[in-house]
Amino acid sequence: MPGQEAQQIIEDADSSLLDIIDHVLNQGVVLIGDVMLGMANVDLIYLGLSVVLCAADRVKPPKPEE
């Protein structure tokens, strides 16, 4: 299971914050959230947020060598 490795890193007492950040950047993580503001059962504002966090080399392929 993919999340099992991350859980193992977090639970490991010898893991540092740097190890966790390194793992997240290598594998990538997606955060998704929704907020709805309304008054008197009328929805006034909807805010959707999606964030992808990963290392830059995962998003943009390397330049070909000349």
N, C-alpha and C. Protein backbone atom coordinates (compact mmCIF):
# COMPACT_ATOMS: atom_id res chain seq x y z
N MET A 1 0.84 -1.18 0.00
CA MET A 1 0.00 0.00 0.00
C MET A 1 0.88 1.25 0.00
N PRO A 2 0.61 2.26 -0.84
CA PRO A 2 1.49 3.43 -0.95
C PRO A 2 1.60 4.23 0.34
N GLY A 3 0.54 4.42 1.09
CA GLY A 3 0.57 5.21 2.30
C GLY A 3 1.28 4.52 3.45
N GLN A 4 1.47 3.23 3.33
CA GLN A 4 2.09 2.45 4.40
C GLN A 4 3.55 2.87 4.61
N GLU A 5 4.26 3.14 3.53
CA GLU A 5 5.66 3.55 3.64
C GLU A 5 5.77 4.92 4.33
N ALA A 6 4.87 5.84 3.96
CA ALA A 6 4.88 7.16 4.59
C ALA A 6 4.56 7.05 6.08
N GLN A 7 3.59 6.21 6.42
CA GLN A 7 3.22 6.02 7.82
C GLN A 7 4.39 5.44 8.60
N GLN A 8 5.14 4.54 8.00
CA GLN A 8 6.29 3.94 8.64
C GLN A 8 7.37 4.99 8.90
N ILE A 9 7.58 5.90 7.97
CA ILE A 9 8.57 6.96 8.16
C ILE A 9 8.16 7.89 9.29
N ILE A 10 6.89 8.24 9.34
CA ILE A 10 6.40 9.15 10.38
C ILE A 10 6.49 8.52 11.75
N GLU A 11 6.16 7.24 11.86
CA GLU A 11 6.16 6.56 13.16
C GLU A 11 7.57 6.23 13.65
N ASP A 12 8.55 6.18 12.77
CA ASP A 12 9.91 5.82 13.15
C ASP A 12 10.49 6.91 14.03
N ALA A 13 10.96 6.55 15.21
CA ALA A 13 11.47 7.53 16.17
C ALA A 13 12.76 8.19 15.68
N ASP A 14 13.52 7.51 14.82
CA ASP A 14 14.78 8.06 14.34
C ASP A 14 14.61 9.00 13.15
N SER A 15 13.40 9.09 12.61
CA SER A 15 13.16 9.96 11.46
C SER A 15 13.13 11.41 11.90
N SER A 16 13.73 12.24 11.10
CA SER A 16 13.72 13.67 11.39
C SER A 16 12.73 14.35 10.46
N LEU A 17 12.48 15.60 10.71
CA LEU A 17 11.60 16.38 9.84
C LEU A 17 12.17 16.44 8.43
N LEU A 18 13.48 16.48 8.31
CA LEU A 18 14.12 16.50 7.01
C LEU A 18 13.84 15.22 6.22
N ASP A 19 13.85 14.07 6.89
CA ASP A 19 13.52 12.80 6.23
C ASP A 19 12.09 12.81 5.71
N ILE A 20 11.18 13.34 6.49
CA ILE A 20 9.77 13.38 6.10
C ILE A 20 9.58 14.31 4.91
N ILE A 21 10.19 15.49 4.95
CA ILE A 21 10.09 16.44 3.84
C ILE A 21 10.71 15.86 2.57
N ASP A 22 11.84 15.19 2.71
CA ASP A 22 12.50 14.57 1.56
C ASP A 22 11.59 13.51 0.93
N HIS A 23 10.96 12.71 1.76
CA HIS A 23 10.06 11.67 1.25
C HIS A 23 8.86 12.30 0.54
N VAL A 24 8.28 13.34 1.12
CA VAL A 24 7.11 13.99 0.51
C VAL A 24 7.48 14.60 -0.83
N LEU A 25 8.64 15.27 -0.92
CA LEU A 25 9.05 15.89 -2.17
C LEU A 25 9.38 14.85 -3.24
N ASN A 26 9.93 13.72 -2.84
CA ASN A 26 10.25 12.68 -3.82
C ASN A 26 8.99 11.99 -4.35
N GLN A 27 8.03 11.75 -3.49
CA GLN A 27 6.81 11.06 -3.89
C GLN A 27 5.72 12.02 -4.36
N GLY A 28 5.65 13.20 -3.77
CA GLY A 28 4.63 14.18 -4.10
C GLY A 28 3.39 13.98 -3.23
N VAL A 29 2.65 15.06 -3.07
CA VAL A 29 1.43 15.01 -2.28
C VAL A 29 0.45 16.01 -2.88
N VAL A 30 -0.84 15.68 -2.82
CA VAL A 30 -1.89 16.56 -3.31
C VAL A 30 -2.81 16.89 -2.15
N LEU A 31 -3.05 18.19 -1.93
CA LEU A 31 -3.96 18.64 -0.90
C LEU A 31 -5.16 19.29 -1.58
N ILE A 32 -6.37 18.88 -1.18
CA ILE A 32 -7.59 19.40 -1.78
C ILE A 32 -8.52 19.84 -0.66
N GLY A 33 -9.11 21.02 -0.82
CA GLY A 33 -10.03 21.51 0.19
C GLY A 33 -11.15 22.33 -0.43
N ASP A 34 -12.29 22.38 0.24
CA ASP A 34 -13.45 23.15 -0.20
C ASP A 34 -13.98 23.95 0.98
N VAL A 35 -14.37 25.19 0.71
CA VAL A 35 -14.99 26.04 1.72
C VAL A 35 -16.23 26.66 1.09
N MET A 36 -17.35 26.59 1.81
CA MET A 36 -18.59 27.18 1.33
C MET A 36 -19.11 28.12 2.40
N LEU A 37 -19.28 29.38 2.05
CA LEU A 37 -19.82 30.37 2.97
C LEU A 37 -21.23 30.73 2.54
N GLY A 38 -22.13 30.74 3.49
CA GLY A 38 -23.51 31.06 3.17
C GLY A 38 -24.21 31.73 4.33
N MET A 39 -25.38 32.25 4.02
CA MET A 39 -26.20 32.91 5.03
C MET A 39 -27.66 32.58 4.74
N ALA A 40 -28.39 32.17 5.76
CA ALA A 40 -29.82 31.85 5.63
C ALA A 40 -30.05 30.79 4.55
N ASN A 41 -29.25 29.74 4.58
CA ASN A 41 -29.35 28.62 3.63
C ASN A 41 -29.14 29.04 2.17
N VAL A 42 -28.43 30.15 1.95
CA VAL A 42 -28.09 30.59 0.60
C VAL A 42 -26.57 30.60 0.51
N ASP A 43 -26.06 29.80 -0.42
CA ASP A 43 -24.62 29.74 -0.63
C ASP A 43 -24.16 31.02 -1.32
N LEU A 44 -23.23 31.73 -0.68
CA LEU A 44 -22.74 32.98 -1.23
C LEU A 44 -21.38 32.86 -1.88
N ILE A 45 -20.49 32.15 -1.23
CA ILE A 45 -19.11 32.04 -1.73
C ILE A 45 -18.68 30.58 -1.66
N TYR A 46 -18.12 30.10 -2.76
CA TYR A 46 -17.52 28.76 -2.80
C TYR A 46 -16.06 28.92 -3.15
N LEU A 47 -15.20 28.29 -2.38
CA LEU A 47 -13.77 28.35 -2.61
C LEU A 47 -13.24 26.93 -2.69
N GLY A 48 -12.65 26.59 -3.82
CA GLY A 48 -12.02 25.28 -4.01
C GLY A 48 -10.52 25.47 -4.13
N LEU A 49 -9.77 24.61 -3.47
CA LEU A 49 -8.32 24.75 -3.46
C LEU A 49 -7.68 23.39 -3.71
N SER A 50 -6.77 23.36 -4.66
CA SER A 50 -5.99 22.16 -4.93
C SER A 50 -4.52 22.55 -4.99
N VAL A 51 -3.70 21.85 -4.23
CA VAL A 51 -2.27 22.15 -4.17
C VAL A 51 -1.50 20.87 -4.44
N VAL A 52 -0.53 20.94 -5.34
CA VAL A 52 0.36 19.82 -5.62
C VAL A 52 1.74 20.21 -5.11
N LEU A 53 2.28 19.39 -4.24
CA LEU A 53 3.60 19.65 -3.67
C LEU A 53 4.52 18.50 -4.04
N CYS A 54 5.55 18.80 -4.82
CA CYS A 54 6.54 17.79 -5.19
C CYS A 54 7.79 18.52 -5.65
N ALA A 55 8.83 17.77 -5.88
CA ALA A 55 10.08 18.34 -6.36
C ALA A 55 9.91 18.83 -7.80
N ALA A 56 10.64 19.89 -8.15
CA ALA A 56 10.50 20.50 -9.47
C ALA A 56 10.86 19.54 -10.60
N ASP A 57 11.80 18.64 -10.38
CA ASP A 57 12.18 17.71 -11.44
C ASP A 57 11.10 16.67 -11.71
N ARG A 58 10.13 16.53 -10.83
CA ARG A 58 9.00 15.61 -11.06
C ARG A 58 7.98 16.26 -11.99
N VAL A 59 7.88 17.57 -11.98
CA VAL A 59 6.88 18.29 -12.78
C VAL A 59 7.42 18.60 -14.17
N LYS A 60 8.64 19.11 -14.22
CA LYS A 60 9.23 19.53 -15.48
C LYS A 60 10.33 18.54 -15.88
N PRO A 61 10.20 17.95 -17.08
CA PRO A 61 11.23 17.00 -17.51
C PRO A 61 12.57 17.71 -17.73
N PRO A 62 13.67 16.98 -17.58
CA PRO A 62 14.99 17.60 -17.79
C PRO A 62 15.20 17.99 -19.23
N LYS A 63 16.05 18.99 -19.44
CA LYS A 63 16.37 19.44 -20.79
C LYS A 63 17.19 18.37 -21.50
N PRO A 64 16.92 18.14 -22.78
CA PRO A 64 17.75 17.17 -23.51
C PRO A 64 19.15 17.71 -23.71
N GLU A 65 20.12 16.84 -23.60
CA GLU A 65 21.52 17.24 -23.77
C GLU A 65 21.81 17.42 -25.25
N GLU A 66 22.61 18.42 -25.54
CA GLU A 66 22.95 18.71 -26.94
C GLU A 66 24.28 18.14 -27.32
